[in-house]
ModelCIF file with pLDDT and N, C-alpha, C, O atoms, coordinates in Angstrom:
data_MODEL
#
_entry.id   MODEL 
#
_entity.id                         1 
_entity.type                       polymer 
_entity.pdbx_number_of_molecules   1 
#
_entity_poly.entity_id                      1 
_entity_poly.type                           'polypeptide(L)' 
_entity_poly.nstd_linkage                   no 
_entity_poly.nstd_monomer                   no 
_entity_poly.pdbx_seq_one_letter_code       LLAWLLPHGATEIPAILIGGQAGFVLARAMIGRGDRQPLAARLRA 
_entity_poly.pdbx_seq_one_letter_code_can   LLAWLLPHGATEIPAILIGGQAGFVLARAMIGRGDRQPLAARLRA 
_entity_poly.pdbx_strand_id                 A 
#
loop_
_entity_poly_seq.entity_id 
_entity_poly_seq.num 
_entity_poly_seq.mon_id 
_entity_poly_seq.hetero 
1 1  LEU n 
1 2  LEU n 
1 3  ALA n 
1 4  TRP n 
1 5  LEU n 
1 6  LEU n 
1 7  PRO n 
1 8  HIS n 
1 9  GLY n 
1 10 ALA n 
1 11 THR n 
1 12 GLU n 
1 13 ILE n 
1 14 PRO n 
1 15 ALA n 
1 16 ILE n 
1 17 LEU n 
1 18 ILE n 
1 19 GLY n 
1 20 GLY n 
1 21 GLN n 
1 22 ALA n 
1 23 GLY n 
1 24 PHE n 
1 25 VAL n 
1 26 LEU n 
1 27 ALA n 
1 28 ARG n 
1 29 ALA n 
1 30 MET n 
1 31 ILE n 
1 32 GLY n 
1 33 ARG n 
1 34 GLY n 
1 35 ASP n 
1 36 ARG n 
1 37 GLN n 
1 38 PRO n 
1 39 LEU n 
1 40 ALA n 
1 41 ALA n 
1 42 ARG n 
1 43 LEU n 
1 44 ARG n 
1 45 ALA n 
#
_struct_asym.id          A 
_struct_asym.entity_id   1 
#
loop_
_ma_qa_metric.id 
_ma_qa_metric.mode 
_ma_qa_metric.name 
_ma_qa_metric.software_group_id 
_ma_qa_metric.type 
1 global pLDDT . pLDDT 
2 local  pLDDT . pLDDT 
#
_ma_qa_metric_global.metric_id      1 
_ma_qa_metric_global.metric_value   89.89 
_ma_qa_metric_global.model_id       1 
_ma_qa_metric_global.ordinal_id     1 
#
loop_
_ma_qa_metric_local.label_asym_id 
_ma_qa_metric_local.label_comp_id 
_ma_qa_metric_local.label_seq_id 
_ma_qa_metric_local.metric_id 
_ma_qa_metric_local.metric_value 
_ma_qa_metric_local.model_id 
_ma_qa_metric_local.ordinal_id 
A LEU 1  2 89.00 1 1  
A LEU 2  2 92.00 1 2  
A ALA 3  2 91.00 1 3  
A TRP 4  2 88.00 1 4  
A LEU 5  2 89.00 1 5  
A LEU 6  2 92.00 1 6  
A PRO 7  2 92.00 1 7  
A HIS 8  2 91.00 1 8  
A GLY 9  2 91.00 1 9  
A ALA 10 2 94.00 1 10 
A THR 11 2 94.00 1 11 
A GLU 12 2 92.00 1 12 
A ILE 13 2 93.00 1 13 
A PRO 14 2 95.00 1 14 
A ALA 15 2 94.00 1 15 
A ILE 16 2 94.00 1 16 
A LEU 17 2 96.00 1 17 
A ILE 18 2 96.00 1 18 
A GLY 19 2 95.00 1 19 
A GLY 20 2 95.00 1 20 
A GLN 21 2 96.00 1 21 
A ALA 22 2 95.00 1 22 
A GLY 23 2 95.00 1 23 
A PHE 24 2 96.00 1 24 
A VAL 25 2 94.00 1 25 
A LEU 26 2 93.00 1 26 
A ALA 27 2 93.00 1 27 
A ARG 28 2 92.00 1 28 
A ALA 29 2 91.00 1 29 
A MET 30 2 90.00 1 30 
A ILE 31 2 89.00 1 31 
A GLY 32 2 82.00 1 32 
A ARG 33 2 76.00 1 33 
A GLY 34 2 74.00 1 34 
A ASP 35 2 73.00 1 35 
A ARG 36 2 76.00 1 36 
A GLN 37 2 83.00 1 37 
A PRO 38 2 86.00 1 38 
A LEU 39 2 85.00 1 39 
A ALA 40 2 88.00 1 40 
A ALA 41 2 89.00 1 41 
A ARG 42 2 88.00 1 42 
A LEU 43 2 89.00 1 43 
A ARG 44 2 90.00 1 44 
A ALA 45 2 89.00 1 45 
#
loop_
_atom_site.group_PDB 
_atom_site.id 
_atom_site.type_symbol 
_atom_site.label_atom_id 
_atom_site.label_alt_id 
_atom_site.label_comp_id 
_atom_site.label_asym_id 
_atom_site.label_entity_id 
_atom_site.label_seq_id 
_atom_site.pdbx_PDB_ins_code 
_atom_site.Cartn_x 
_atom_site.Cartn_y 
_atom_site.Cartn_z 
_atom_site.occupancy 
_atom_site.B_iso_or_equiv 
_atom_site.pdbx_formal_charge 
_atom_site.auth_seq_id 
_atom_site.auth_comp_id 
_atom_site.auth_asym_id 
_atom_site.auth_atom_id 
_atom_site.pdbx_PDB_model_num 
ATOM 1   N N  . LEU A 1 1  ? -17.392 19.352  -12.258 1.00 89.00 ? 1  LEU A N  1 
ATOM 2   C CA . LEU A 1 1  ? -16.331 18.687  -11.492 1.00 89.00 ? 1  LEU A CA 1 
ATOM 3   C C  . LEU A 1 1  ? -16.508 17.177  -11.509 1.00 89.00 ? 1  LEU A C  1 
ATOM 4   O O  . LEU A 1 1  ? -15.557 16.437  -11.756 1.00 89.00 ? 1  LEU A O  1 
ATOM 5   N N  . LEU A 1 2  ? -17.732 16.723  -11.246 1.00 92.00 ? 2  LEU A N  1 
ATOM 6   C CA . LEU A 1 2  ? -18.001 15.288  -11.197 1.00 92.00 ? 2  LEU A CA 1 
ATOM 7   C C  . LEU A 1 2  ? -17.789 14.654  -12.568 1.00 92.00 ? 2  LEU A C  1 
ATOM 8   O O  . LEU A 1 2  ? -17.202 13.576  -12.670 1.00 92.00 ? 2  LEU A O  1 
ATOM 9   N N  . ALA A 1 3  ? -18.265 15.318  -13.622 1.00 91.00 ? 3  ALA A N  1 
ATOM 10  C CA . ALA A 1 3  ? -18.119 14.774  -14.970 1.00 91.00 ? 3  ALA A CA 1 
ATOM 11  C C  . ALA A 1 3  ? -16.666 14.805  -15.435 1.00 91.00 ? 3  ALA A C  1 
ATOM 12  O O  . ALA A 1 3  ? -16.255 13.981  -16.252 1.00 91.00 ? 3  ALA A O  1 
ATOM 13  N N  . TRP A 1 4  ? -15.902 15.741  -14.923 1.00 88.00 ? 4  TRP A N  1 
ATOM 14  C CA . TRP A 1 4  ? -14.483 15.852  -15.296 1.00 88.00 ? 4  TRP A CA 1 
ATOM 15  C C  . TRP A 1 4  ? -13.648 14.814  -14.557 1.00 88.00 ? 4  TRP A C  1 
ATOM 16  O O  . TRP A 1 4  ? -12.793 14.168  -15.163 1.00 88.00 ? 4  TRP A O  1 
ATOM 17  N N  . LEU A 1 5  ? -13.881 14.643  -13.257 1.00 89.00 ? 5  LEU A N  1 
ATOM 18  C CA . LEU A 1 5  ? -13.030 13.776  -12.447 1.00 89.00 ? 5  LEU A CA 1 
ATOM 19  C C  . LEU A 1 5  ? -13.443 12.303  -12.429 1.00 89.00 ? 5  LEU A C  1 
ATOM 20  O O  . LEU A 1 5  ? -12.586 11.420  -12.405 1.00 89.00 ? 5  LEU A O  1 
ATOM 21  N N  . LEU A 1 6  ? -14.753 12.036  -12.442 1.00 92.00 ? 6  LEU A N  1 
ATOM 22  C CA . LEU A 1 6  ? -15.213 10.667  -12.211 1.00 92.00 ? 6  LEU A CA 1 
ATOM 23  C C  . LEU A 1 6  ? -14.757 9.660   -13.265 1.00 92.00 ? 6  LEU A C  1 
ATOM 24  O O  . LEU A 1 6  ? -14.373 8.552   -12.891 1.00 92.00 ? 6  LEU A O  1 
ATOM 25  N N  . PRO A 1 7  ? -14.776 9.981   -14.563 1.00 92.00 ? 7  PRO A N  1 
ATOM 26  C CA . PRO A 1 7  ? -14.391 8.960   -15.548 1.00 92.00 ? 7  PRO A CA 1 
ATOM 27  C C  . PRO A 1 7  ? -12.999 8.370   -15.312 1.00 92.00 ? 7  PRO A C  1 
ATOM 28  O O  . PRO A 1 7  ? -12.824 7.153   -15.377 1.00 92.00 ? 7  PRO A O  1 
ATOM 29  N N  . HIS A 1 8  ? -12.010 9.222   -15.040 1.00 91.00 ? 8  HIS A N  1 
ATOM 30  C CA . HIS A 1 8  ? -10.669 8.686   -14.788 1.00 91.00 ? 8  HIS A CA 1 
ATOM 31  C C  . HIS A 1 8  ? -10.391 8.511   -13.297 1.00 91.00 ? 8  HIS A C  1 
ATOM 32  O O  . HIS A 1 8  ? -9.624  7.631   -12.904 1.00 91.00 ? 8  HIS A O  1 
ATOM 33  N N  . GLY A 1 9  ? -11.018 9.354   -12.464 1.00 91.00 ? 9  GLY A N  1 
ATOM 34  C CA . GLY A 1 9  ? -10.777 9.271   -11.025 1.00 91.00 ? 9  GLY A CA 1 
ATOM 35  C C  . GLY A 1 9  ? -11.300 7.991   -10.406 1.00 91.00 ? 9  GLY A C  1 
ATOM 36  O O  . GLY A 1 9  ? -10.808 7.567   -9.360  1.00 91.00 ? 9  GLY A O  1 
ATOM 37  N N  . ALA A 1 10 ? -12.302 7.356   -11.041 1.00 94.00 ? 10 ALA A N  1 
ATOM 38  C CA . ALA A 1 10 ? -12.879 6.124   -10.511 1.00 94.00 ? 10 ALA A CA 1 
ATOM 39  C C  . ALA A 1 10 ? -11.856 5.006   -10.436 1.00 94.00 ? 10 ALA A C  1 
ATOM 40  O O  . ALA A 1 10 ? -12.004 4.086   -9.632  1.00 94.00 ? 10 ALA A O  1 
ATOM 41  N N  . THR A 1 11 ? -10.817 5.072   -11.265 1.00 94.00 ? 11 THR A N  1 
ATOM 42  C CA . THR A 1 11 ? -9.739  4.083   -11.185 1.00 94.00 ? 11 THR A CA 1 
ATOM 43  C C  . THR A 1 11 ? -8.419  4.718   -10.732 1.00 94.00 ? 11 THR A C  1 
ATOM 44  O O  . THR A 1 11 ? -7.594  4.056   -10.102 1.00 94.00 ? 11 THR A O  1 
ATOM 45  N N  . GLU A 1 12 ? -8.226  5.991   -11.052 1.00 92.00 ? 12 GLU A N  1 
ATOM 46  C CA . GLU A 1 12 ? -6.964  6.652   -10.697 1.00 92.00 ? 12 GLU A CA 1 
ATOM 47  C C  . GLU A 1 12 ? -6.794  6.791   -9.187  1.00 92.00 ? 12 GLU A C  1 
ATOM 48  O O  . GLU A 1 12 ? -5.740  6.458   -8.645  1.00 92.00 ? 12 GLU A O  1 
ATOM 49  N N  . ILE A 1 13 ? -7.826  7.282   -8.510  1.00 93.00 ? 13 ILE A N  1 
ATOM 50  C CA . ILE A 1 13 ? -7.710  7.483   -7.060  1.00 93.00 ? 13 ILE A CA 1 
ATOM 51  C C  . ILE A 1 13 ? -7.567  6.156   -6.318  1.00 93.00 ? 13 ILE A C  1 
ATOM 52  O O  . ILE A 1 13 ? -6.700  6.048   -5.451  1.00 93.00 ? 13 ILE A O  1 
ATOM 53  N N  . PRO A 1 14 ? -8.393  5.125   -6.625  1.00 95.00 ? 14 PRO A N  1 
ATOM 54  C CA . PRO A 1 14 ? -8.169  3.824   -5.973  1.00 95.00 ? 14 PRO A CA 1 
ATOM 55  C C  . PRO A 1 14 ? -6.780  3.265   -6.253  1.00 95.00 ? 14 PRO A C  1 
ATOM 56  O O  . PRO A 1 14 ? -6.188  2.623   -5.386  1.00 95.00 ? 14 PRO A O  1 
ATOM 57  N N  . ALA A 1 15 ? -6.250  3.501   -7.459  1.00 94.00 ? 15 ALA A N  1 
ATOM 58  C CA . ALA A 1 15 ? -4.917  2.992   -7.780  1.00 94.00 ? 15 ALA A CA 1 
ATOM 59  C C  . ALA A 1 15 ? -3.853  3.633   -6.891  1.00 94.00 ? 15 ALA A C  1 
ATOM 60  O O  . ALA A 1 15 ? -2.961  2.945   -6.396  1.00 94.00 ? 15 ALA A O  1 
ATOM 61  N N  . ILE A 1 16 ? -3.944  4.938   -6.691  1.00 94.00 ? 16 ILE A N  1 
ATOM 62  C CA . ILE A 1 16 ? -2.994  5.620   -5.812  1.00 94.00 ? 16 ILE A CA 1 
ATOM 63  C C  . ILE A 1 16 ? -3.144  5.121   -4.375  1.00 94.00 ? 16 ILE A C  1 
ATOM 64  O O  . ILE A 1 16 ? -2.156  4.964   -3.658  1.00 94.00 ? 16 ILE A O  1 
ATOM 65  N N  . LEU A 1 17 ? -4.393  4.874   -3.962  1.00 96.00 ? 17 LEU A N  1 
ATOM 66  C CA . LEU A 1 17 ? -4.626  4.322   -2.626  1.00 96.00 ? 17 LEU A CA 1 
ATOM 67  C C  . LEU A 1 17 ? -4.030  2.931   -2.496  1.00 96.00 ? 17 LEU A C  1 
ATOM 68  O O  . LEU A 1 17 ? -3.506  2.579   -1.440  1.00 96.00 ? 17 LEU A O  1 
ATOM 69  N N  . ILE A 1 18 ? -4.102  2.139   -3.554  1.00 96.00 ? 18 ILE A N  1 
ATOM 70  C CA . ILE A 1 18 ? -3.507  0.791   -3.521  1.00 96.00 ? 18 ILE A CA 1 
ATOM 71  C C  . ILE A 1 18 ? -1.988  0.901   -3.451  1.00 96.00 ? 18 ILE A C  1 
ATOM 72  O O  . ILE A 1 18 ? -1.332  0.066   -2.828  1.00 96.00 ? 18 ILE A O  1 
ATOM 73  N N  . GLY A 1 19 ? -1.427  1.930   -4.089  1.00 95.00 ? 19 GLY A N  1 
ATOM 74  C CA . GLY A 1 19 ? 0.006   2.177   -3.932  1.00 95.00 ? 19 GLY A CA 1 
ATOM 75  C C  . GLY A 1 19 ? 0.346   2.462   -2.482  1.00 95.00 ? 19 GLY A C  1 
ATOM 76  O O  . GLY A 1 19 ? 1.347   1.968   -1.963  1.00 95.00 ? 19 GLY A O  1 
ATOM 77  N N  . GLY A 1 20 ? -0.503  3.274   -1.816  1.00 95.00 ? 20 GLY A N  1 
ATOM 78  C CA . GLY A 1 20 ? -0.308  3.540   -0.392  1.00 95.00 ? 20 GLY A CA 1 
ATOM 79  C C  . GLY A 1 20 ? -0.509  2.286   0.440   1.00 95.00 ? 20 GLY A C  1 
ATOM 80  O O  . GLY A 1 20 ? 0.209   2.061   1.415   1.00 95.00 ? 20 GLY A O  1 
ATOM 81  N N  . GLN A 1 21 ? -1.481  1.470   0.060   1.00 96.00 ? 21 GLN A N  1 
ATOM 82  C CA . GLN A 1 21 ? -1.721  0.209   0.746   1.00 96.00 ? 21 GLN A CA 1 
ATOM 83  C C  . GLN A 1 21 ? -0.471  -0.672  0.699   1.00 96.00 ? 21 GLN A C  1 
ATOM 84  O O  . GLN A 1 21 ? -0.063  -1.238  1.713   1.00 96.00 ? 21 GLN A O  1 
ATOM 85  N N  . ALA A 1 22 ? 0.132   -0.781  -0.489  1.00 95.00 ? 22 ALA A N  1 
ATOM 86  C CA . ALA A 1 22 ? 1.355   -1.566  -0.632  1.00 95.00 ? 22 ALA A CA 1 
ATOM 87  C C  . ALA A 1 22 ? 2.477   -0.978  0.223   1.00 95.00 ? 22 ALA A C  1 
ATOM 88  O O  . ALA A 1 22 ? 3.277   -1.711  0.805   1.00 95.00 ? 22 ALA A O  1 
ATOM 89  N N  . GLY A 1 23 ? 2.523   0.365   0.292   1.00 95.00 ? 23 GLY A N  1 
ATOM 90  C CA . GLY A 1 23 ? 3.536   1.011   1.128   1.00 95.00 ? 23 GLY A CA 1 
ATOM 91  C C  . GLY A 1 23 ? 3.374   0.664   2.597   1.00 95.00 ? 23 GLY A C  1 
ATOM 92  O O  . GLY A 1 23 ? 4.363   0.462   3.302   1.00 95.00 ? 23 GLY A O  1 
ATOM 93  N N  . PHE A 1 24 ? 2.135   0.595   3.065   1.00 96.00 ? 24 PHE A N  1 
ATOM 94  C CA . PHE A 1 24 ? 1.901   0.252   4.473   1.00 96.00 ? 24 PHE A CA 1 
ATOM 95  C C  . PHE A 1 24 ? 2.170   -1.228  4.751   1.00 96.00 ? 24 PHE A C  1 
ATOM 96  O O  . PHE A 1 24 ? 2.589   -1.586  5.852   1.00 96.00 ? 24 PHE A O  1 
ATOM 97  N N  . VAL A 1 25 ? 1.931   -2.087  3.756   1.00 94.00 ? 25 VAL A N  1 
ATOM 98  C CA . VAL A 1 25 ? 2.294   -3.500  3.906   1.00 94.00 ? 25 VAL A CA 1 
ATOM 99  C C  . VAL A 1 25 ? 3.812   -3.614  4.068   1.00 94.00 ? 25 VAL A C  1 
ATOM 100 O O  . VAL A 1 25 ? 4.305   -4.362  4.913   1.00 94.00 ? 25 VAL A O  1 
ATOM 101 N N  . LEU A 1 26 ? 4.534   -2.866  3.250   1.00 93.00 ? 26 LEU A N  1 
ATOM 102 C CA . LEU A 1 26 ? 5.987   -2.849  3.331   1.00 93.00 ? 26 LEU A CA 1 
ATOM 103 C C  . LEU A 1 26 ? 6.445   -2.258  4.662   1.00 93.00 ? 26 LEU A C  1 
ATOM 104 O O  . LEU A 1 26 ? 7.386   -2.760  5.277   1.00 93.00 ? 26 LEU A O  1 
ATOM 105 N N  . ALA A 1 27 ? 5.778   -1.191  5.106   1.00 93.00 ? 27 ALA A N  1 
ATOM 106 C CA . ALA A 1 27 ? 6.145   -0.548  6.369   1.00 93.00 ? 27 ALA A CA 1 
ATOM 107 C C  . ALA A 1 27 ? 5.962   -1.498  7.550   1.00 93.00 ? 27 ALA A C  1 
ATOM 108 O O  . ALA A 1 27 ? 6.788   -1.527  8.461   1.00 93.00 ? 27 ALA A O  1 
ATOM 109 N N  . ARG A 1 28 ? 4.889   -2.266  7.532   1.00 92.00 ? 28 ARG A N  1 
ATOM 110 C CA . ARG A 1 28 ? 4.652   -3.213  8.620   1.00 92.00 ? 28 ARG A CA 1 
ATOM 111 C C  . ARG A 1 28 ? 5.756   -4.256  8.679   1.00 92.00 ? 28 ARG A C  1 
ATOM 112 O O  . ARG A 1 28 ? 6.192   -4.659  9.758   1.00 92.00 ? 28 ARG A O  1 
ATOM 113 N N  . ALA A 1 29 ? 6.203   -4.690  7.499   1.00 91.00 ? 29 ALA A N  1 
ATOM 114 C CA . ALA A 1 29 ? 7.309   -5.652  7.472   1.00 91.00 ? 29 ALA A CA 1 
ATOM 115 C C  . ALA A 1 29 ? 8.595   -5.011  7.980   1.00 91.00 ? 29 ALA A C  1 
ATOM 116 O O  . ALA A 1 29 ? 9.392   -5.667  8.650   1.00 91.00 ? 29 ALA A O  1 
ATOM 117 N N  . MET A 1 30 ? 8.802   -3.733  7.667   1.00 90.00 ? 30 MET A N  1 
ATOM 118 C CA . MET A 1 30 ? 9.989   -3.028  8.136   1.00 90.00 ? 30 MET A CA 1 
ATOM 119 C C  . MET A 1 30 ? 9.989   -2.899  9.661   1.00 90.00 ? 30 MET A C  1 
ATOM 120 O O  . MET A 1 30 ? 11.015  -3.102  10.310  1.00 90.00 ? 30 MET A O  1 
ATOM 121 N N  . ILE A 1 31 ? 8.833   -2.561  10.217  1.00 89.00 ? 31 ILE A N  1 
ATOM 122 C CA . ILE A 1 31 ? 8.740   -2.368  11.666  1.00 89.00 ? 31 ILE A CA 1 
ATOM 123 C C  . ILE A 1 31 ? 8.817   -3.700  12.391  1.00 89.00 ? 31 ILE A C  1 
ATOM 124 O O  . ILE A 1 31 ? 9.532   -3.829  13.384  1.00 89.00 ? 31 ILE A O  1 
ATOM 125 N N  . GLY A 1 32 ? 8.086   -4.687  11.902  1.00 82.00 ? 32 GLY A N  1 
ATOM 126 C CA . GLY A 1 32 ? 8.157   -6.033  12.449  1.00 82.00 ? 32 GLY A CA 1 
ATOM 127 C C  . GLY A 1 32 ? 7.630   -6.186  13.859  1.00 82.00 ? 32 GLY A C  1 
ATOM 128 O O  . GLY A 1 32 ? 8.075   -7.065  14.597  1.00 82.00 ? 32 GLY A O  1 
ATOM 129 N N  . ARG A 1 33 ? 6.692   -5.344  14.239  1.00 76.00 ? 33 ARG A N  1 
ATOM 130 C CA . ARG A 1 33 ? 6.153   -5.421  15.594  1.00 76.00 ? 33 ARG A CA 1 
ATOM 131 C C  . ARG A 1 33 ? 5.454   -6.766  15.823  1.00 76.00 ? 33 ARG A C  1 
ATOM 132 O O  . ARG A 1 33 ? 4.555   -7.138  15.069  1.00 76.00 ? 33 ARG A O  1 
ATOM 133 N N  . GLY A 1 34 ? 5.864   -7.481  16.851  1.00 74.00 ? 34 GLY A N  1 
ATOM 134 C CA . GLY A 1 34 ? 5.274   -8.772  17.177  1.00 74.00 ? 34 GLY A CA 1 
ATOM 135 C C  . GLY A 1 34 ? 5.769   -9.908  16.313  1.00 74.00 ? 34 GLY A C  1 
ATOM 136 O O  . GLY A 1 34 ? 5.303   -11.039 16.455  1.00 74.00 ? 34 GLY A O  1 
ATOM 137 N N  . ASP A 1 35 ? 6.704   -9.634  15.419  1.00 73.00 ? 35 ASP A N  1 
ATOM 138 C CA . ASP A 1 35 ? 7.256   -10.666 14.536  1.00 73.00 ? 35 ASP A CA 1 
ATOM 139 C C  . ASP A 1 35 ? 8.753   -10.767 14.778  1.00 73.00 ? 35 ASP A C  1 
ATOM 140 O O  . ASP A 1 35 ? 9.491   -9.813  14.531  1.00 73.00 ? 35 ASP A O  1 
ATOM 141 N N  . ARG A 1 36 ? 9.200   -11.916 15.260  1.00 76.00 ? 36 ARG A N  1 
ATOM 142 C CA . ARG A 1 36 ? 10.611  -12.085 15.627  1.00 76.00 ? 36 ARG A CA 1 
ATOM 143 C C  . ARG A 1 36 ? 11.479  -12.527 14.465  1.00 76.00 ? 36 ARG A C  1 
ATOM 144 O O  . ARG A 1 36 ? 12.678  -12.750 14.636  1.00 76.00 ? 36 ARG A O  1 
ATOM 145 N N  . GLN A 1 37 ? 10.896  -12.654 13.298  1.00 83.00 ? 37 GLN A N  1 
ATOM 146 C CA . GLN A 1 37 ? 11.710  -13.052 12.149  1.00 83.00 ? 37 GLN A CA 1 
ATOM 147 C C  . GLN A 1 37 ? 12.685  -11.936 11.779  1.00 83.00 ? 37 GLN A C  1 
ATOM 148 O O  . GLN A 1 37 ? 12.415  -10.767 12.055  1.00 83.00 ? 37 GLN A O  1 
ATOM 149 N N  . PRO A 1 38 ? 13.809  -12.279 11.162  1.00 86.00 ? 38 PRO A N  1 
ATOM 150 C CA . PRO A 1 38 ? 14.736  -11.252 10.673  1.00 86.00 ? 38 PRO A CA 1 
ATOM 151 C C  . PRO A 1 38 ? 14.058  -10.390 9.612   1.00 86.00 ? 38 PRO A C  1 
ATOM 152 O O  . PRO A 1 38 ? 13.093  -10.814 8.976   1.00 86.00 ? 38 PRO A O  1 
ATOM 153 N N  . LEU A 1 39 ? 14.576  -9.173  9.429   1.00 85.00 ? 39 LEU A N  1 
ATOM 154 C CA . LEU A 1 39 ? 13.992  -8.236  8.467   1.00 85.00 ? 39 LEU A CA 1 
ATOM 155 C C  . LEU A 1 39 ? 13.890  -8.848  7.073   1.00 85.00 ? 39 LEU A C  1 
ATOM 156 O O  . LEU A 1 39 ? 12.865  -8.713  6.404   1.00 85.00 ? 39 LEU A O  1 
ATOM 157 N N  . ALA A 1 40 ? 14.958  -9.522  6.636   1.00 88.00 ? 40 ALA A N  1 
ATOM 158 C CA . ALA A 1 40 ? 14.950  -10.103 5.294   1.00 88.00 ? 40 ALA A CA 1 
ATOM 159 C C  . ALA A 1 40 ? 13.814  -11.104 5.131   1.00 88.00 ? 40 ALA A C  1 
ATOM 160 O O  . ALA A 1 40 ? 13.174  -11.160 4.081   1.00 88.00 ? 40 ALA A O  1 
ATOM 161 N N  . ALA A 1 41 ? 13.568  -11.882 6.157   1.00 89.00 ? 41 ALA A N  1 
ATOM 162 C CA . ALA A 1 41 ? 12.492  -12.875 6.088   1.00 89.00 ? 41 ALA A CA 1 
ATOM 163 C C  . ALA A 1 41 ? 11.128  -12.197 6.061   1.00 89.00 ? 41 ALA A C  1 
ATOM 164 O O  . ALA A 1 41 ? 10.223  -12.660 5.366   1.00 89.00 ? 41 ALA A O  1 
ATOM 165 N N  . ARG A 1 42 ? 10.970  -11.117 6.801   1.00 88.00 ? 42 ARG A N  1 
ATOM 166 C CA . ARG A 1 42 ? 9.696   -10.401 6.804   1.00 88.00 ? 42 ARG A CA 1 
ATOM 167 C C  . ARG A 1 42 ? 9.425   -9.771  5.440   1.00 88.00 ? 42 ARG A C  1 
ATOM 168 O O  . ARG A 1 42 ? 8.289   -9.767  4.966   1.00 88.00 ? 42 ARG A O  1 
ATOM 169 N N  . LEU A 1 43 ? 10.461  -9.246  4.821   1.00 89.00 ? 43 LEU A N  1 
ATOM 170 C CA . LEU A 1 43 ? 10.303  -8.638  3.503   1.00 89.00 ? 43 LEU A CA 1 
ATOM 171 C C  . LEU A 1 43 ? 9.970   -9.688  2.445   1.00 89.00 ? 43 LEU A C  1 
ATOM 172 O O  . LEU A 1 43 ? 9.156   -9.448  1.553   1.00 89.00 ? 43 LEU A O  1 
ATOM 173 N N  . ARG A 1 44 ? 10.611  -10.857 2.553   1.00 90.00 ? 44 ARG A N  1 
ATOM 174 C CA . ARG A 1 44 ? 10.295  -11.928 1.613   1.00 90.00 ? 44 ARG A CA 1 
ATOM 175 C C  . ARG A 1 44 ? 8.842   -12.375 1.771   1.00 90.00 ? 44 ARG A C  1 
ATOM 176 O O  . ARG A 1 44 ? 8.172   -12.701 0.790   1.00 90.00 ? 44 ARG A O  1 
ATOM 177 N N  . ALA A 1 45 ? 8.367   -12.386 3.004   1.00 89.00 ? 45 ALA A N  1 
ATOM 178 C CA . ALA A 1 45 ? 7.007   -12.857 3.274   1.00 89.00 ? 45 ALA A CA 1 
ATOM 179 C C  . ALA A 1 45 ? 5.948   -11.974 2.610   1.00 89.00 ? 45 ALA A C  1 
ATOM 180 O O  . ALA A 1 45 ? 4.753   -12.239 2.742   1.00 89.00 ? 45 ALA A O  1 
#
């Protein structure tokens, strides 16, 4: 299992996590909690 998954999983799994990270950055801008800027401005930021 380790020899099968580790060679590609060492970059594949972090990459998918970074995709999720970007999604949460976008989600925070969508929610805008504590930020009074308009949605468009938050998304540009």
